[in-house]
N, C-alpha and C. Protein backbone atom coordinates (compact mmCIF):
# COMPACT_ATOMS: atom_id res chain seq x y z
N MET A 1 0.84 -1.19 0.00
CA MET A 1 0.00 0.00 0.00
C MET A 1 0.88 1.25 0.00
N LEU A 2 0.70 2.09 -1.01
CA LEU A 2 1.46 3.34 -1.11
C LEU A 2 0.69 4.46 -0.42
N VAL A 3 1.40 5.22 0.42
CA VAL A 3 0.80 6.33 1.15
C VAL A 3 1.60 7.60 0.85
N LEU A 4 0.90 8.66 0.51
CA LEU A 4 1.53 9.97 0.29
C LEU A 4 1.46 10.75 1.59
N ALA A 5 2.64 11.10 2.13
CA ALA A 5 2.70 11.82 3.40
C ALA A 5 2.70 13.33 3.16
N SER A 6 1.67 13.79 2.44
CA SER A 6 1.60 15.21 2.08
C SER A 6 0.15 15.61 1.85
N ALA A 7 -0.17 16.83 2.24
CA ALA A 7 -1.51 17.36 2.01
C ALA A 7 -1.58 18.14 0.70
N SER A 8 -0.47 18.22 -0.04
CA SER A 8 -0.41 19.03 -1.26
C SER A 8 -1.35 18.49 -2.33
N PRO A 9 -2.31 19.31 -2.78
CA PRO A 9 -3.18 18.85 -3.87
C PRO A 9 -2.40 18.64 -5.16
N ARG A 10 -1.33 19.40 -5.35
CA ARG A 10 -0.54 19.25 -6.57
C ARG A 10 0.18 17.90 -6.60
N ARG A 11 0.73 17.49 -5.47
CA ARG A 11 1.39 16.17 -5.43
C ARG A 11 0.37 15.05 -5.65
N ARG A 12 -0.80 15.22 -5.07
CA ARG A 12 -1.87 14.22 -5.25
C ARG A 12 -2.24 14.12 -6.73
N GLU A 13 -2.40 15.26 -7.39
CA GLU A 13 -2.77 15.27 -8.81
C GLU A 13 -1.68 14.62 -9.67
N LEU A 14 -0.42 14.92 -9.37
CA LEU A 14 0.68 14.37 -10.16
C LEU A 14 0.77 12.85 -10.01
N LEU A 15 0.65 12.36 -8.77
CA LEU A 15 0.70 10.90 -8.56
C LEU A 15 -0.45 10.21 -9.27
N THR A 16 -1.63 10.81 -9.23
CA THR A 16 -2.79 10.26 -9.93
C THR A 16 -2.56 10.26 -11.43
N GLN A 17 -2.03 11.37 -11.94
CA GLN A 17 -1.74 11.50 -13.38
C GLN A 17 -0.77 10.41 -13.85
N ALA A 18 0.19 10.06 -12.98
CA ALA A 18 1.19 9.05 -13.34
C ALA A 18 0.68 7.62 -13.14
N GLY A 19 -0.57 7.46 -12.71
CA GLY A 19 -1.18 6.14 -12.63
C GLY A 19 -0.97 5.39 -11.33
N PHE A 20 -0.51 6.09 -10.29
CA PHE A 20 -0.31 5.43 -9.00
C PHE A 20 -1.62 5.36 -8.22
N THR A 21 -1.79 4.26 -7.48
CA THR A 21 -2.90 4.11 -6.54
C THR A 21 -2.33 4.32 -5.14
N PHE A 22 -2.94 5.22 -4.37
CA PHE A 22 -2.34 5.58 -3.08
C PHE A 22 -3.39 6.17 -2.16
N GLU A 23 -3.03 6.24 -0.88
CA GLU A 23 -3.83 6.95 0.11
C GLU A 23 -3.04 8.17 0.57
N VAL A 24 -3.74 9.13 1.16
CA VAL A 24 -3.10 10.36 1.62
C VAL A 24 -3.17 10.44 3.14
N HIS A 25 -2.02 10.58 3.78
CA HIS A 25 -1.94 10.81 5.22
C HIS A 25 -0.88 11.88 5.46
N PRO A 26 -1.28 13.14 5.57
CA PRO A 26 -0.29 14.22 5.72
C PRO A 26 0.54 14.06 6.99
N ALA A 27 1.80 14.43 6.88
CA ALA A 27 2.70 14.44 8.04
C ALA A 27 2.64 15.82 8.69
N HIS A 28 2.78 15.85 9.99
CA HIS A 28 2.79 17.12 10.72
C HIS A 28 4.09 17.21 11.50
N ILE A 29 5.10 17.82 10.86
CA ILE A 29 6.41 17.97 11.50
C ILE A 29 6.86 19.42 11.35
N PRO A 30 7.77 19.88 12.20
CA PRO A 30 8.33 21.23 12.03
C PRO A 30 9.11 21.30 10.71
N GLU A 31 8.98 22.41 9.98
CA GLU A 31 9.63 22.50 8.67
C GLU A 31 10.68 23.60 8.61
N ASP A 32 11.19 24.02 9.76
CA ASP A 32 12.21 25.07 9.76
C ASP A 32 13.57 24.49 9.39
N PRO A 33 14.34 25.24 8.56
CA PRO A 33 15.70 24.78 8.27
C PRO A 33 16.58 24.85 9.52
N LEU A 34 17.53 23.94 9.59
CA LEU A 34 18.51 23.98 10.68
C LEU A 34 19.54 25.07 10.38
N PRO A 35 20.19 25.63 11.39
CA PRO A 35 21.18 26.68 11.14
C PRO A 35 22.26 26.21 10.17
N GLY A 36 22.44 27.00 9.10
CA GLY A 36 23.47 26.68 8.12
C GLY A 36 23.18 25.49 7.23
N GLU A 37 21.93 25.01 7.24
CA GLU A 37 21.59 23.80 6.48
C GLU A 37 21.53 24.09 4.98
N ASP A 38 22.22 23.29 4.21
CA ASP A 38 22.23 23.38 2.75
C ASP A 38 20.81 23.08 2.22
N PRO A 39 20.37 23.76 1.12
CA PRO A 39 19.00 23.54 0.62
C PRO A 39 18.69 22.08 0.27
N ILE A 40 19.65 21.36 -0.32
CA ILE A 40 19.40 19.96 -0.67
C ILE A 40 19.29 19.11 0.60
N ALA A 41 20.18 19.36 1.56
CA ALA A 41 20.10 18.63 2.83
C ALA A 41 18.78 18.92 3.53
N TYR A 42 18.31 20.17 3.43
CA TYR A 42 17.05 20.59 4.07
C TYR A 42 15.86 19.81 3.51
N VAL A 43 15.71 19.80 2.18
CA VAL A 43 14.51 19.15 1.61
C VAL A 43 14.57 17.63 1.73
N THR A 44 15.78 17.05 1.63
CA THR A 44 15.84 15.59 1.79
C THR A 44 15.58 15.19 3.24
N ARG A 45 16.05 15.99 4.18
CA ARG A 45 15.77 15.70 5.59
C ARG A 45 14.27 15.76 5.86
N LEU A 46 13.61 16.83 5.38
CA LEU A 46 12.17 16.95 5.62
C LEU A 46 11.38 15.84 4.94
N ALA A 47 11.76 15.49 3.72
CA ALA A 47 11.06 14.40 3.02
C ALA A 47 11.17 13.11 3.83
N ARG A 48 12.39 12.82 4.32
CA ARG A 48 12.59 11.59 5.10
C ARG A 48 11.81 11.64 6.41
N GLU A 49 11.87 12.79 7.11
CA GLU A 49 11.16 12.90 8.38
C GLU A 49 9.65 12.77 8.20
N LYS A 50 9.11 13.34 7.14
CA LYS A 50 7.67 13.21 6.87
C LYS A 50 7.30 11.75 6.63
N ALA A 51 8.08 11.08 5.77
CA ALA A 51 7.78 9.68 5.45
C ALA A 51 7.93 8.79 6.68
N GLU A 52 8.99 9.02 7.45
CA GLU A 52 9.21 8.21 8.66
C GLU A 52 8.12 8.42 9.69
N ALA A 53 7.67 9.67 9.84
CA ALA A 53 6.61 9.96 10.82
C ALA A 53 5.31 9.25 10.46
N VAL A 54 4.94 9.29 9.19
CA VAL A 54 3.70 8.65 8.76
C VAL A 54 3.84 7.13 8.80
N PHE A 55 5.02 6.61 8.42
CA PHE A 55 5.23 5.16 8.49
C PHE A 55 5.08 4.67 9.94
N ALA A 56 5.69 5.39 10.87
CA ALA A 56 5.61 5.01 12.29
C ALA A 56 4.17 5.06 12.79
N GLN A 57 3.45 6.10 12.37
CA GLN A 57 2.06 6.27 12.81
C GLN A 57 1.16 5.16 12.27
N LEU A 58 1.30 4.82 10.98
CA LEU A 58 0.40 3.86 10.35
C LEU A 58 0.77 2.41 10.65
N SER A 59 2.03 2.15 10.97
CA SER A 59 2.44 0.76 11.19
C SER A 59 2.42 0.37 12.67
N ALA A 60 2.21 1.33 13.55
CA ALA A 60 2.24 1.05 14.99
C ALA A 60 1.11 0.08 15.37
N GLY A 61 1.49 -1.05 15.93
CA GLY A 61 0.51 -2.01 16.45
C GLY A 61 -0.36 -2.66 15.41
N THR A 62 0.07 -2.66 14.14
CA THR A 62 -0.74 -3.29 13.10
C THR A 62 0.09 -4.31 12.34
N GLU A 63 -0.57 -5.06 11.50
CA GLU A 63 0.12 -6.06 10.67
C GLU A 63 0.46 -5.51 9.30
N THR A 64 0.17 -4.21 9.06
CA THR A 64 0.32 -3.67 7.71
C THR A 64 1.74 -3.18 7.42
N ALA A 65 2.63 -3.18 8.39
CA ALA A 65 3.97 -2.61 8.19
C ALA A 65 4.70 -3.25 7.01
N ALA A 66 4.53 -4.55 6.83
CA ALA A 66 5.27 -5.25 5.77
C ALA A 66 4.88 -4.76 4.38
N SER A 67 3.64 -4.37 4.20
CA SER A 67 3.19 -3.94 2.87
C SER A 67 3.13 -2.42 2.73
N LEU A 68 3.47 -1.71 3.78
CA LEU A 68 3.34 -0.25 3.78
C LEU A 68 4.54 0.41 3.13
N VAL A 69 4.29 1.33 2.20
CA VAL A 69 5.33 2.14 1.56
C VAL A 69 4.87 3.59 1.64
N VAL A 70 5.69 4.46 2.25
CA VAL A 70 5.31 5.86 2.45
C VAL A 70 6.21 6.77 1.64
N LEU A 71 5.59 7.66 0.89
CA LEU A 71 6.29 8.64 0.06
C LEU A 71 6.23 10.01 0.75
N GLY A 72 7.39 10.55 1.07
CA GLY A 72 7.48 11.90 1.62
C GLY A 72 8.17 12.80 0.61
N ALA A 73 7.79 14.07 0.56
CA ALA A 73 8.43 15.01 -0.36
C ALA A 73 8.41 16.40 0.24
N ASP A 74 9.41 17.19 -0.13
CA ASP A 74 9.44 18.59 0.28
C ASP A 74 10.13 19.38 -0.83
N THR A 75 9.53 20.50 -1.17
CA THR A 75 10.05 21.34 -2.26
C THR A 75 10.41 22.71 -1.72
N THR A 76 11.55 23.22 -2.18
CA THR A 76 11.91 24.59 -1.84
C THR A 76 12.48 25.30 -3.06
N VAL A 77 12.47 26.60 -2.99
CA VAL A 77 13.07 27.45 -4.02
C VAL A 77 14.32 28.07 -3.42
N THR A 78 15.42 28.07 -4.19
CA THR A 78 16.64 28.67 -3.68
C THR A 78 17.20 29.67 -4.68
N LEU A 79 17.74 30.74 -4.15
CA LEU A 79 18.41 31.75 -4.96
C LEU A 79 19.66 32.16 -4.19
N ASP A 80 20.81 32.03 -4.82
CA ASP A 80 22.08 32.33 -4.15
C ASP A 80 22.21 31.53 -2.84
N ASP A 81 21.74 30.28 -2.88
CA ASP A 81 21.79 29.37 -1.73
C ASP A 81 20.94 29.82 -0.54
N HIS A 82 20.03 30.77 -0.76
CA HIS A 82 19.06 31.15 0.26
C HIS A 82 17.77 30.40 0.00
N ILE A 83 17.19 29.83 1.04
CA ILE A 83 15.95 29.08 0.92
C ILE A 83 14.77 30.04 0.94
N LEU A 84 13.91 29.93 -0.08
CA LEU A 84 12.69 30.72 -0.14
C LEU A 84 11.52 29.76 0.06
N GLY A 85 10.99 29.71 1.25
CA GLY A 85 9.87 28.83 1.55
C GLY A 85 8.54 29.46 1.17
N LYS A 86 7.49 29.04 1.82
CA LYS A 86 6.17 29.64 1.58
C LYS A 86 6.14 31.02 2.22
N PRO A 87 5.55 32.00 1.54
CA PRO A 87 5.53 33.36 2.10
C PRO A 87 4.67 33.45 3.36
N GLU A 88 5.13 34.28 4.29
CA GLU A 88 4.39 34.49 5.54
C GLU A 88 3.18 35.38 5.33
N ASP A 89 3.30 36.33 4.41
CA ASP A 89 2.21 37.27 4.13
C ASP A 89 2.45 37.89 2.75
N ALA A 90 1.60 38.83 2.36
CA ALA A 90 1.70 39.44 1.03
C ALA A 90 3.02 40.18 0.84
N ALA A 91 3.49 40.86 1.88
CA ALA A 91 4.76 41.59 1.77
C ALA A 91 5.92 40.63 1.54
N ASP A 92 5.88 39.49 2.20
CA ASP A 92 6.92 38.48 2.04
C ASP A 92 6.88 37.89 0.63
N ALA A 93 5.68 37.66 0.12
CA ALA A 93 5.52 37.15 -1.25
C ALA A 93 6.10 38.15 -2.25
N ALA A 94 5.83 39.44 -2.05
CA ALA A 94 6.35 40.47 -2.95
C ALA A 94 7.88 40.50 -2.90
N ARG A 95 8.43 40.36 -1.71
CA ARG A 95 9.89 40.34 -1.55
C ARG A 95 10.50 39.20 -2.34
N MET A 96 9.90 38.01 -2.22
CA MET A 96 10.43 36.85 -2.95
C MET A 96 10.34 37.04 -4.45
N LEU A 97 9.21 37.52 -4.93
CA LEU A 97 9.03 37.68 -6.37
C LEU A 97 9.98 38.74 -6.93
N ARG A 98 10.26 39.78 -6.17
CA ARG A 98 11.25 40.78 -6.61
C ARG A 98 12.64 40.16 -6.70
N LEU A 99 12.96 39.25 -5.76
CA LEU A 99 14.25 38.56 -5.80
C LEU A 99 14.37 37.67 -7.04
N LEU A 100 13.28 36.99 -7.40
CA LEU A 100 13.30 36.06 -8.54
C LEU A 100 13.26 36.79 -9.88
N SER A 101 12.75 38.01 -9.91
CA SER A 101 12.55 38.78 -11.13
C SER A 101 13.84 38.90 -11.95
N GLY A 102 13.77 38.48 -13.22
CA GLY A 102 14.89 38.64 -14.13
C GLY A 102 16.06 37.70 -13.89
N ARG A 103 15.88 36.68 -13.08
CA ARG A 103 16.98 35.80 -12.71
C ARG A 103 16.59 34.32 -12.87
N THR A 104 17.59 33.47 -12.80
CA THR A 104 17.37 32.02 -12.79
C THR A 104 17.58 31.51 -11.38
N HIS A 105 16.59 30.79 -10.86
CA HIS A 105 16.69 30.21 -9.53
C HIS A 105 16.59 28.69 -9.63
N ARG A 106 16.77 28.02 -8.52
CA ARG A 106 16.68 26.56 -8.48
C ARG A 106 15.48 26.12 -7.67
N VAL A 107 14.78 25.12 -8.17
CA VAL A 107 13.72 24.46 -7.40
C VAL A 107 14.24 23.08 -7.05
N ILE A 108 14.21 22.76 -5.76
CA ILE A 108 14.75 21.49 -5.29
C ILE A 108 13.65 20.73 -4.54
N THR A 109 13.43 19.50 -4.94
CA THR A 109 12.48 18.64 -4.22
C THR A 109 13.23 17.44 -3.66
N GLY A 110 13.10 17.25 -2.37
CA GLY A 110 13.60 16.03 -1.73
C GLY A 110 12.50 15.00 -1.74
N VAL A 111 12.86 13.75 -2.05
CA VAL A 111 11.90 12.65 -2.10
C VAL A 111 12.42 11.52 -1.22
N ALA A 112 11.54 10.95 -0.40
CA ALA A 112 11.92 9.81 0.43
C ALA A 112 10.86 8.73 0.32
N ILE A 113 11.32 7.49 0.20
CA ILE A 113 10.44 6.32 0.20
C ILE A 113 10.84 5.48 1.42
N VAL A 114 9.91 5.31 2.35
CA VAL A 114 10.18 4.54 3.56
C VAL A 114 9.29 3.30 3.58
N SER A 115 9.94 2.13 3.77
CA SER A 115 9.20 0.87 3.90
C SER A 115 9.79 0.11 5.09
N ALA A 116 9.28 -1.07 5.32
CA ALA A 116 9.76 -1.86 6.46
C ALA A 116 11.20 -2.32 6.26
N VAL A 117 11.65 -2.37 5.00
CA VAL A 117 12.99 -2.91 4.73
C VAL A 117 14.01 -1.88 4.27
N SER A 118 13.57 -0.69 3.84
CA SER A 118 14.55 0.27 3.35
C SER A 118 14.02 1.70 3.40
N THR A 119 14.96 2.63 3.32
CA THR A 119 14.64 4.05 3.17
C THR A 119 15.46 4.57 2.00
N GLU A 120 14.77 5.06 0.98
CA GLU A 120 15.44 5.61 -0.21
C GLU A 120 15.22 7.12 -0.21
N VAL A 121 16.30 7.89 -0.37
CA VAL A 121 16.19 9.35 -0.35
C VAL A 121 17.00 9.92 -1.50
N ALA A 122 16.43 10.91 -2.20
CA ALA A 122 17.14 11.58 -3.28
C ALA A 122 16.54 12.97 -3.48
N ALA A 123 17.19 13.77 -4.32
CA ALA A 123 16.69 15.11 -4.61
C ALA A 123 16.75 15.38 -6.11
N GLU A 124 15.83 16.20 -6.57
CA GLU A 124 15.78 16.64 -7.96
C GLU A 124 15.97 18.15 -7.97
N VAL A 125 16.77 18.66 -8.92
CA VAL A 125 17.04 20.09 -9.01
C VAL A 125 16.68 20.57 -10.42
N THR A 126 15.90 21.66 -10.50
CA THR A 126 15.50 22.24 -11.78
C THR A 126 15.81 23.74 -11.76
N GLY A 127 16.41 24.23 -12.83
CA GLY A 127 16.65 25.67 -12.97
C GLY A 127 15.44 26.33 -13.62
N VAL A 128 15.01 27.47 -13.08
CA VAL A 128 13.83 28.16 -13.60
C VAL A 128 14.19 29.62 -13.87
N ARG A 129 13.95 30.08 -15.08
CA ARG A 129 14.24 31.46 -15.46
C ARG A 129 12.97 32.30 -15.37
N PHE A 130 13.07 33.46 -14.76
CA PHE A 130 11.96 34.40 -14.65
C PHE A 130 12.21 35.61 -15.54
N LEU A 131 11.18 36.12 -16.18
CA LEU A 131 11.25 37.42 -16.83
C LEU A 131 11.35 38.51 -15.76
N THR A 132 11.70 39.72 -16.17
CA THR A 132 11.72 40.85 -15.24
C THR A 132 10.28 41.28 -14.97
N LEU A 133 9.92 41.39 -13.69
CA LEU A 133 8.54 41.69 -13.31
C LEU A 133 8.42 43.14 -12.83
N ALA A 134 7.36 43.78 -13.26
CA ALA A 134 7.04 45.12 -12.76
C ALA A 134 6.34 44.99 -11.41
N ASP A 135 6.48 46.00 -10.56
CA ASP A 135 5.82 45.98 -9.25
C ASP A 135 4.31 45.78 -9.39
N GLU A 136 3.75 46.36 -10.45
CA GLU A 136 2.29 46.23 -10.67
C GLU A 136 1.91 44.77 -10.96
N GLU A 137 2.75 44.08 -11.72
CA GLU A 137 2.48 42.67 -12.02
C GLU A 137 2.56 41.83 -10.75
N ILE A 138 3.55 42.13 -9.93
CA ILE A 138 3.71 41.39 -8.67
C ILE A 138 2.50 41.61 -7.78
N ALA A 139 2.07 42.87 -7.65
CA ALA A 139 0.92 43.18 -6.79
C ALA A 139 -0.35 42.50 -7.29
N ALA A 140 -0.56 42.51 -8.62
CA ALA A 140 -1.75 41.88 -9.18
C ALA A 140 -1.73 40.38 -8.96
N TYR A 141 -0.56 39.77 -9.08
CA TYR A 141 -0.44 38.33 -8.87
C TYR A 141 -0.72 37.96 -7.42
N ILE A 142 -0.16 38.72 -6.50
CA ILE A 142 -0.39 38.45 -5.08
C ILE A 142 -1.87 38.59 -4.73
N ALA A 143 -2.55 39.54 -5.37
CA ALA A 143 -3.97 39.76 -5.12
C ALA A 143 -4.82 38.54 -5.50
N THR A 144 -4.31 37.69 -6.38
CA THR A 144 -5.07 36.48 -6.75
C THR A 144 -5.02 35.43 -5.64
N GLY A 145 -4.05 35.54 -4.72
CA GLY A 145 -3.90 34.56 -3.65
C GLY A 145 -3.07 33.35 -4.03
N GLU A 146 -2.76 33.20 -5.31
CA GLU A 146 -2.05 32.00 -5.77
C GLU A 146 -0.68 31.80 -5.11
N PRO A 147 0.10 32.87 -4.84
CA PRO A 147 1.44 32.64 -4.31
C PRO A 147 1.50 32.18 -2.85
N MET A 148 0.42 32.29 -2.12
CA MET A 148 0.50 32.25 -0.66
C MET A 148 0.82 30.87 -0.06
N ASP A 149 0.56 29.78 -0.78
CA ASP A 149 0.85 28.47 -0.20
C ASP A 149 1.94 27.74 -0.97
N LYS A 150 2.79 28.53 -1.69
CA LYS A 150 3.78 27.91 -2.56
C LYS A 150 5.18 28.39 -2.23
N ALA A 151 6.12 27.47 -2.21
CA ALA A 151 7.53 27.83 -2.02
C ALA A 151 7.95 28.80 -3.11
N GLY A 152 8.64 29.88 -2.71
CA GLY A 152 9.08 30.87 -3.68
C GLY A 152 7.98 31.81 -4.13
N ALA A 153 6.78 31.64 -3.60
CA ALA A 153 5.63 32.52 -3.86
C ALA A 153 5.14 32.49 -5.31
N TYR A 154 5.25 31.33 -5.96
CA TYR A 154 4.65 31.22 -7.29
C TYR A 154 4.36 29.76 -7.61
N GLY A 155 3.44 29.56 -8.56
CA GLY A 155 3.14 28.23 -9.07
C GLY A 155 3.35 28.21 -10.57
N ILE A 156 4.26 27.37 -11.06
CA ILE A 156 4.54 27.31 -12.50
C ILE A 156 3.33 26.83 -13.29
N GLN A 157 2.46 26.05 -12.63
CA GLN A 157 1.29 25.50 -13.31
C GLN A 157 0.12 26.48 -13.30
N GLY A 158 0.31 27.65 -12.72
CA GLY A 158 -0.76 28.64 -12.63
C GLY A 158 -0.45 29.90 -13.42
N LEU A 159 -0.87 31.04 -12.87
CA LEU A 159 -0.74 32.32 -13.56
C LEU A 159 0.71 32.72 -13.80
N ALA A 160 1.63 32.27 -12.96
CA ALA A 160 3.04 32.65 -13.10
C ALA A 160 3.69 32.03 -14.34
N ALA A 161 3.02 31.09 -14.98
CA ALA A 161 3.59 30.44 -16.17
C ALA A 161 3.99 31.48 -17.23
N ARG A 162 3.29 32.58 -17.30
CA ARG A 162 3.56 33.59 -18.35
C ARG A 162 4.89 34.30 -18.13
N TRP A 163 5.50 34.15 -16.96
CA TRP A 163 6.78 34.81 -16.66
C TRP A 163 7.97 33.87 -16.78
N ILE A 164 7.75 32.63 -17.19
CA ILE A 164 8.81 31.62 -17.18
C ILE A 164 9.11 31.17 -18.61
N PRO A 165 10.12 31.82 -19.25
CA PRO A 165 10.42 31.48 -20.63
C PRO A 165 11.10 30.13 -20.80
N ARG A 166 11.80 29.65 -19.76
CA ARG A 166 12.44 28.34 -19.90
C ARG A 166 12.79 27.75 -18.53
N ILE A 167 12.89 26.44 -18.54
CA ILE A 167 13.40 25.72 -17.37
C ILE A 167 14.47 24.76 -17.84
N GLU A 168 15.33 24.36 -16.93
CA GLU A 168 16.34 23.35 -17.22
C GLU A 168 16.15 22.23 -16.22
N GLY A 169 15.58 21.11 -16.69
CA GLY A 169 15.32 19.98 -15.80
C GLY A 169 13.87 19.56 -15.83
N CYS A 170 13.45 18.92 -14.77
CA CYS A 170 12.13 18.30 -14.68
C CYS A 170 11.04 19.33 -14.34
N TYR A 171 10.05 19.45 -15.24
CA TYR A 171 8.92 20.36 -15.00
C TYR A 171 8.13 19.93 -13.76
N PHE A 172 7.89 18.62 -13.63
CA PHE A 172 7.06 18.14 -12.52
C PHE A 172 7.70 18.43 -11.17
N ASN A 173 9.03 18.51 -11.15
CA ASN A 173 9.73 18.89 -9.94
C ASN A 173 9.32 20.28 -9.49
N VAL A 174 9.17 21.19 -10.44
CA VAL A 174 8.79 22.57 -10.11
C VAL A 174 7.36 22.62 -9.58
N VAL A 175 6.51 21.75 -10.09
CA VAL A 175 5.13 21.67 -9.59
C VAL A 175 5.11 21.10 -8.17
N GLY A 176 6.07 20.21 -7.86
CA GLY A 176 6.14 19.70 -6.49
C GLY A 176 6.47 18.24 -6.32
N LEU A 177 6.57 17.48 -7.45
CA LEU A 177 6.89 16.06 -7.30
C LEU A 177 7.54 15.54 -8.59
N PRO A 178 8.85 15.28 -8.57
CA PRO A 178 9.52 14.76 -9.77
C PRO A 178 9.15 13.30 -10.01
N LEU A 179 8.24 13.08 -10.93
CA LEU A 179 7.62 11.76 -11.09
C LEU A 179 8.61 10.68 -11.51
N ALA A 180 9.56 10.99 -12.39
CA ALA A 180 10.52 9.98 -12.81
C ALA A 180 11.39 9.54 -11.64
N LEU A 181 11.80 10.49 -10.81
CA LEU A 181 12.60 10.15 -9.62
C LEU A 181 11.79 9.32 -8.65
N VAL A 182 10.52 9.68 -8.43
CA VAL A 182 9.65 8.91 -7.55
C VAL A 182 9.53 7.47 -8.05
N SER A 183 9.32 7.30 -9.36
CA SER A 183 9.18 5.96 -9.93
C SER A 183 10.45 5.14 -9.72
N THR A 184 11.61 5.77 -9.93
CA THR A 184 12.89 5.08 -9.76
C THR A 184 13.08 4.64 -8.31
N LEU A 185 12.78 5.53 -7.36
CA LEU A 185 12.94 5.18 -5.94
C LEU A 185 11.96 4.08 -5.52
N LEU A 186 10.73 4.14 -6.04
CA LEU A 186 9.76 3.08 -5.72
C LEU A 186 10.23 1.73 -6.26
N ASP A 187 10.80 1.73 -7.47
CA ASP A 187 11.33 0.48 -8.04
C ASP A 187 12.47 -0.06 -7.19
N THR A 188 13.34 0.84 -6.70
CA THR A 188 14.45 0.41 -5.85
C THR A 188 13.93 -0.18 -4.54
N ALA A 189 12.92 0.48 -3.95
CA ALA A 189 12.33 -0.03 -2.71
C ALA A 189 11.69 -1.40 -2.92
N LYS A 190 11.02 -1.59 -4.08
CA LYS A 190 10.40 -2.89 -4.39
C LYS A 190 11.46 -3.97 -4.54
N ALA A 191 12.58 -3.61 -5.17
CA ALA A 191 13.66 -4.58 -5.35
C ALA A 191 14.23 -5.02 -4.01
N HIS A 192 14.40 -4.07 -3.08
CA HIS A 192 14.87 -4.42 -1.72
C HIS A 192 13.88 -5.35 -1.04
N ALA A 193 12.59 -5.03 -1.18
CA ALA A 193 11.55 -5.83 -0.52
C ALA A 193 11.52 -7.25 -1.08
N SER A 194 11.68 -7.38 -2.40
CA SER A 194 11.60 -8.71 -3.02
C SER A 194 12.80 -9.57 -2.61
N ARG A 195 13.93 -8.91 -2.33
CA ARG A 195 15.10 -9.66 -1.88
C ARG A 195 15.12 -9.86 -0.37
N GLY A 196 14.12 -9.25 0.31
CA GLY A 196 14.04 -9.38 1.77
C GLY A 196 15.14 -8.65 2.49
N GLU A 197 15.65 -7.57 1.87
CA GLU A 197 16.75 -6.82 2.49
C GLU A 197 16.24 -5.88 3.57
């Protein structure tokens, strides 16, 4: 049984689109970066902690642990090695969008697969180029509410698509779940399980 340890509707849609059958059990863990933590270390740590927390919760005192596979993921936006998480308010969203304006930033998603026999962890990195944004465009975008629950204060699959002339890497990673990486990690976890490792 595959379980997605995330409340993200975008991750749910992507997994469904890729043909996976799964249940959703969001993880509730602190998501603050550790002092001096590298962006890749940050997202892979959170992905693993989310998956481990849900695995522990669902397998406690039950017989389902052997068949349970939990997928955890965490996505962040980085610019000059600074982590841009979800904006705290409209002013914070505007600050982030001004930073991204006219520049190329990185979107990093950590992915973890936790089962009774193994833990697989990896990260996907995609470069995203932004056009130069006018303050009026930023204000109008924030007024839609779209940036408020997204790392880096934008969604590539939404209205912000018009400002992104190119990306380098996996598009689905920018949406929130690199599907090819997820498939590879799930295959690796299955191989461990079949060998009884």
